[in-house]
Protein backbone atom coordinates (compact mmCIF):
# COMPACT_ATOMS: atom_id res chain seq x y z
CA MET A 1 128.30 88.26 17.86
CA ARG A 2 128.80 91.91 16.98
CA GLN A 3 126.25 94.23 18.66
CA PRO A 4 124.77 96.85 16.27
CA ALA A 5 125.73 99.90 18.36
CA LEU A 6 124.06 102.42 16.01
CA TRP A 7 120.73 100.49 15.91
CA ILE A 8 120.63 100.24 19.61
CA ALA A 9 121.45 103.93 20.17
CA VAL A 10 118.89 105.21 17.64
CA PHE A 11 116.22 102.82 19.01
CA LEU A 12 116.79 104.03 22.57
CA ALA A 13 116.70 107.62 21.48
CA VAL A 14 113.54 107.41 19.42
CA THR A 15 111.79 105.32 22.12
CA SER A 16 112.67 107.68 24.88
CA ILE A 17 111.30 110.79 23.07
CA THR A 18 107.92 109.24 22.49
CA ALA A 19 107.58 108.66 26.19
CA ALA A 20 108.29 112.17 27.34
CA ALA A 21 109.69 115.58 26.30
CA GLN A 22 112.44 116.64 28.66
CA ARG A 23 115.06 119.22 27.62
CA PRO A 24 118.56 118.06 28.57
CA SER A 25 120.13 120.31 31.14
CA GLY A 26 122.60 122.85 29.74
CA THR A 27 121.33 122.61 26.21
CA ALA A 28 121.19 126.11 24.67
CA PRO A 29 118.64 127.12 21.99
CA PRO A 30 120.03 126.59 18.50
CA ASP A 31 120.87 129.36 16.04
CA LYS A 32 117.76 130.90 14.44
CA GLU A 33 118.95 130.92 10.86
CA PHE A 34 118.35 127.65 9.10
CA SER A 35 120.58 128.03 6.00
CA VAL A 36 122.12 124.55 6.72
CA ALA A 37 121.14 121.22 8.04
CA GLY A 38 124.13 120.11 9.90
CA PRO A 39 126.94 120.03 7.34
CA PHE A 40 124.42 120.18 4.36
CA VAL A 41 124.26 123.62 2.79
CA PHE A 42 121.42 124.35 0.32
CA GLU A 43 121.86 126.36 -2.81
CA ALA A 44 120.42 129.84 -2.58
CA GLY A 45 116.79 130.00 -3.80
CA GLY A 46 116.42 126.24 -3.84
CA THR A 47 113.98 124.12 -1.89
CA LYS A 48 115.06 123.71 1.72
CA PRO A 49 113.48 122.89 5.12
CA THR A 50 111.98 125.58 7.27
CA TYR A 51 113.33 126.06 10.84
CA LEU A 52 111.05 125.99 13.84
CA ASP A 53 112.04 126.85 17.38
CA ALA A 54 110.13 125.92 20.52
CA PHE A 55 111.15 129.20 22.16
CA ASP A 56 111.31 131.93 19.50
CA ASP A 57 110.91 131.29 15.79
CA ARG A 58 107.39 130.00 15.07
CA PRO A 59 106.58 130.74 11.42
CA VAL A 60 103.59 129.24 9.68
CA VAL A 61 104.87 126.93 6.98
CA GLN A 62 102.14 126.69 4.30
CA SER A 63 101.47 123.62 2.29
CA PRO A 64 102.02 123.85 -1.51
CA ASN A 65 98.21 123.86 -1.94
CA GLY A 66 97.84 126.58 0.65
CA ARG A 67 95.29 124.57 2.65
CA LEU A 68 97.35 123.63 5.65
CA GLY A 69 99.93 125.34 7.89
CA ILE A 70 102.55 123.86 10.16
CA THR A 71 103.77 125.94 13.13
CA VAL A 72 104.63 125.58 16.85
CA THR A 73 102.11 126.11 19.57
CA GLY A 74 102.24 126.03 23.39
CA PRO A 75 103.97 128.00 26.09
CA LYS A 76 107.46 129.24 25.26
CA GLU A 77 108.69 129.13 28.83
CA SER A 78 107.95 125.41 29.42
CA LEU A 79 108.41 121.98 27.82
CA GLU A 80 104.87 121.98 26.46
CA ALA A 81 105.44 123.11 22.86
CA TRP A 82 104.15 121.09 19.95
CA VAL A 83 104.58 120.97 16.24
CA THR A 84 101.02 121.48 15.03
CA VAL A 85 99.04 121.47 11.84
CA ALA A 86 96.15 123.89 11.35
CA PRO A 87 93.69 122.77 8.63
CA SER A 88 91.79 125.73 7.19
CA THR A 89 88.56 123.67 7.20
CA PHE A 90 88.89 122.39 10.78
CA PRO A 91 87.02 124.68 13.25
CA GLY A 92 88.74 123.23 16.37
CA GLY A 93 92.06 124.75 15.76
CA SER A 94 95.46 123.28 15.41
CA VAL A 95 96.15 119.48 15.64
CA GLN A 96 99.10 118.58 17.86
CA VAL A 97 101.44 116.23 15.88
CA TRP A 98 104.72 116.02 17.64
CA PRO A 99 106.18 117.33 20.99
CA LEU A 100 109.02 119.79 20.33
CA GLU A 101 111.75 120.01 22.87
CA ALA A 102 114.17 122.44 21.28
CA SER A 103 114.06 122.92 17.45
CA ALA A 104 113.02 121.24 14.31
CA ALA A 105 112.77 121.73 10.54
CA VAL A 106 109.80 120.84 8.27
CA LEU A 107 109.60 120.13 4.57
CA TRP A 108 106.25 119.70 2.76
CA ARG A 109 105.80 116.95 0.17
CA PRO A 110 104.98 118.50 -3.20
CA ASP A 111 101.41 117.16 -3.29
CA SER A 112 100.76 118.49 0.27
CA GLY A 113 99.76 115.01 1.44
CA ALA A 114 102.58 114.71 4.02
CA TRP A 115 105.59 116.55 5.41
CA ALA A 116 108.98 115.44 6.71
CA LEU A 117 110.14 116.60 10.19
CA THR A 118 113.63 116.72 11.31
CA ASP A 119 113.77 116.74 15.21
CA ASP A 120 116.98 118.17 16.72
CA ARG A 121 116.17 116.85 20.18
CA TYR A 122 119.51 115.63 21.33
CA ALA A 123 123.07 116.96 21.37
CA ASN A 124 124.34 113.69 19.77
CA ALA A 125 121.41 112.68 17.58
CA SER A 126 118.67 114.00 15.31
CA PHE A 127 116.10 112.02 13.45
CA VAL A 128 113.60 112.17 10.60
CA LEU A 129 109.94 111.40 10.59
CA VAL A 130 107.24 111.67 7.92
CA CYS A 131 103.89 112.96 9.13
CA GLY A 132 100.71 112.53 7.14
CA THR A 133 97.77 114.88 6.69
CA ASP A 134 95.11 112.13 6.99
CA PHE A 135 93.45 113.48 10.14
CA ARG A 136 91.73 110.75 12.12
CA MET A 137 90.39 110.06 15.58
CA GLY A 138 92.98 108.87 18.05
CA GLU A 139 92.75 105.31 19.36
CA ASN A 140 93.01 106.16 23.05
CA GLU A 141 91.65 109.71 23.14
CA PRO A 142 88.99 111.74 21.28
CA GLY A 143 91.50 114.20 19.69
CA LEU A 144 92.65 114.07 16.07
CA GLY A 145 95.84 112.40 15.00
CA VAL A 146 97.93 111.74 11.95
CA PRO A 147 100.03 108.78 10.76
CA ILE A 148 103.77 109.12 11.57
CA THR A 149 106.57 107.12 9.87
CA ASP A 150 109.93 107.02 11.53
CA LEU A 151 112.72 106.78 8.88
CA THR A 152 115.66 107.03 11.30
CA PRO A 153 116.10 103.21 11.88
CA ILE A 154 116.03 102.71 8.12
CA VAL A 155 118.91 105.06 7.31
CA ALA A 156 120.64 103.92 10.52
CA GLU A 157 120.72 100.37 9.31
CA ALA A 158 122.06 101.41 5.95
CA LEU A 159 124.90 103.38 7.47
CA ASP A 160 125.82 100.63 9.85
CA ALA A 161 126.04 98.17 6.87
CA ARG A 162 128.08 100.68 4.95
CA VAL A 163 130.51 101.23 7.78
CA GLN A 164 131.04 97.47 8.34
CA LYS A 165 131.67 96.97 4.60
CA TYR A 166 134.16 99.86 4.60
CA TYR A 167 136.17 98.45 7.47
CA GLY A 168 135.80 94.90 6.27
CA LEU A 169 135.81 93.71 9.84
CA GLY A 170 132.18 92.96 10.73
CA TYR A 171 133.00 90.99 13.77
CA TYR A 172 134.64 93.92 15.51
CA GLN A 173 132.59 96.49 17.48
CA THR A 174 132.24 99.78 15.64
CA ASP A 175 130.96 102.73 17.68
CA ILE A 176 128.84 105.58 16.23
CA PRO A 177 128.61 108.07 19.15
CA LEU A 178 127.12 110.85 16.96
CA PHE A 179 124.34 110.19 14.56
CA TYR A 180 122.35 112.93 12.89
CA ALA A 181 119.63 112.47 10.20
CA TYR A 182 118.22 115.40 8.18
CA ALA A 183 115.29 115.55 5.76
CA LEU A 184 116.86 117.43 2.84
CA ARG A 185 114.48 117.22 -0.14
CA TRP A 186 111.48 115.36 -1.47
CA ILE A 187 112.08 113.77 -4.90
CA GLY A 188 108.49 113.54 -6.18
CA ASN A 189 105.92 112.36 -3.67
CA ASP A 190 107.36 109.01 -2.73
CA GLU A 191 111.06 109.47 -2.29
CA LEU A 192 112.81 111.56 0.44
CA LEU A 193 116.49 112.54 0.37
CA VAL A 194 117.82 112.03 3.91
CA GLY A 195 121.20 113.39 4.84
CA VAL A 196 123.31 111.55 7.43
CA SER A 197 126.13 112.99 9.37
CA ALA A 198 127.92 110.63 11.81
CA ARG A 199 131.08 110.14 13.72
CA ILE A 200 132.55 106.66 13.34
CA VAL A 201 135.00 105.16 15.92
CA GLY A 202 137.00 102.04 15.48
CA PRO A 203 137.43 99.13 14.91
CA ALA A 204 141.03 99.30 16.09
CA LYS A 205 141.68 98.51 19.76
CA PRO A 206 141.82 101.53 22.28
CA PRO A 207 143.58 103.78 22.75
CA ASN A 208 144.45 103.98 19.06
CA ARG A 209 140.95 103.82 17.65
CA ASP A 210 140.44 106.08 14.62
CA GLN A 211 137.70 108.58 14.39
CA GLU A 212 136.13 109.69 11.11
CA ASN A 213 133.29 111.92 10.15
CA TRP A 214 130.90 110.50 7.62
CA ASP A 215 128.61 112.78 5.65
CA LEU A 216 126.43 111.35 2.98
CA ALA A 217 122.73 110.88 2.06
CA TYR A 218 120.23 108.15 1.33
CA LEU A 219 117.30 108.25 -1.08
CA VAL A 220 114.50 106.57 0.80
CA ASP A 221 111.37 105.08 -0.70
CA VAL A 222 108.93 106.31 1.94
CA PRO A 223 105.79 104.18 1.14
CA ASN A 224 107.90 100.96 1.17
CA LYS A 225 110.25 102.10 3.96
CA LYS A 226 113.47 101.15 2.27
CA VAL A 227 116.71 102.77 1.02
CA ILE A 228 116.82 103.02 -2.74
CA ARG A 229 120.49 104.12 -3.02
CA GLU A 230 123.34 105.82 -1.30
CA VAL A 231 124.23 109.41 -2.39
CA THR A 232 127.80 110.64 -2.05
CA LYS A 233 128.97 114.14 -1.33
CA ALA A 234 129.78 114.65 -5.00
CA GLN A 235 126.43 113.39 -6.07
CA LEU A 236 124.69 115.67 -3.56
CA LEU A 237 126.34 118.59 -5.17
CA THR A 238 125.89 117.60 -8.86
CA ASP A 239 122.48 116.09 -8.65
CA TYR A 240 120.75 118.07 -5.93
CA LYS A 241 122.80 121.37 -5.51
CA ILE A 242 123.45 120.53 -1.88
CA LYS A 243 127.06 121.08 -0.66
CA VAL A 244 128.64 119.20 2.22
CA VAL A 245 130.79 121.36 4.42
CA ASP A 246 133.57 119.38 6.05
CA GLU A 247 134.02 120.25 9.72
């Protein structure tokens, strides 16, 4: 039976980051300008994610209603930085939401009830989470916490099914060594446009296995955790004013 290589890779990556935050050796801080999300370039003046850097760039990203602000806190010279939310009515200061190893991008939902986080933690993978603003007591500690939904496995499964259908050879192993997910834009308060950029290898036998770069997007129903539809490069440009730059 064919092993779903993408699902396994993404599961291991996401599981490992929740256990600890360790910066891979030799990984340099990313560029500070966030005009693009991978190959996805946003039209000037349009809505786009805001870049956050564990080491240098730590702007406060205000919610649309002006009541909350997302930023990065913690020492810059260690691996103890966090993406945090500071409610204006909470006297205890910022609430730590997600450990930040290198860089990330955040995108507020229009109603300020949640925000999408793209975590660029690894050299061969990035992933997308949706973080709520329903502050609540943690189950295992007295600190405040927020609900977090991981959308990465959802778009990973969709891409895996798309690749197998494309090749028409589902019983062959298809490798996806590079998989990047990016939160691109909220469509209302329930749907999130998630860009996917991946390198697909196979299914021909080595050493003649073909490699292709796949750049597309998925419109995700966040409350129900399911993909609504696939969005092609052409549709990204015509419908959302987001251009895909071929590498």
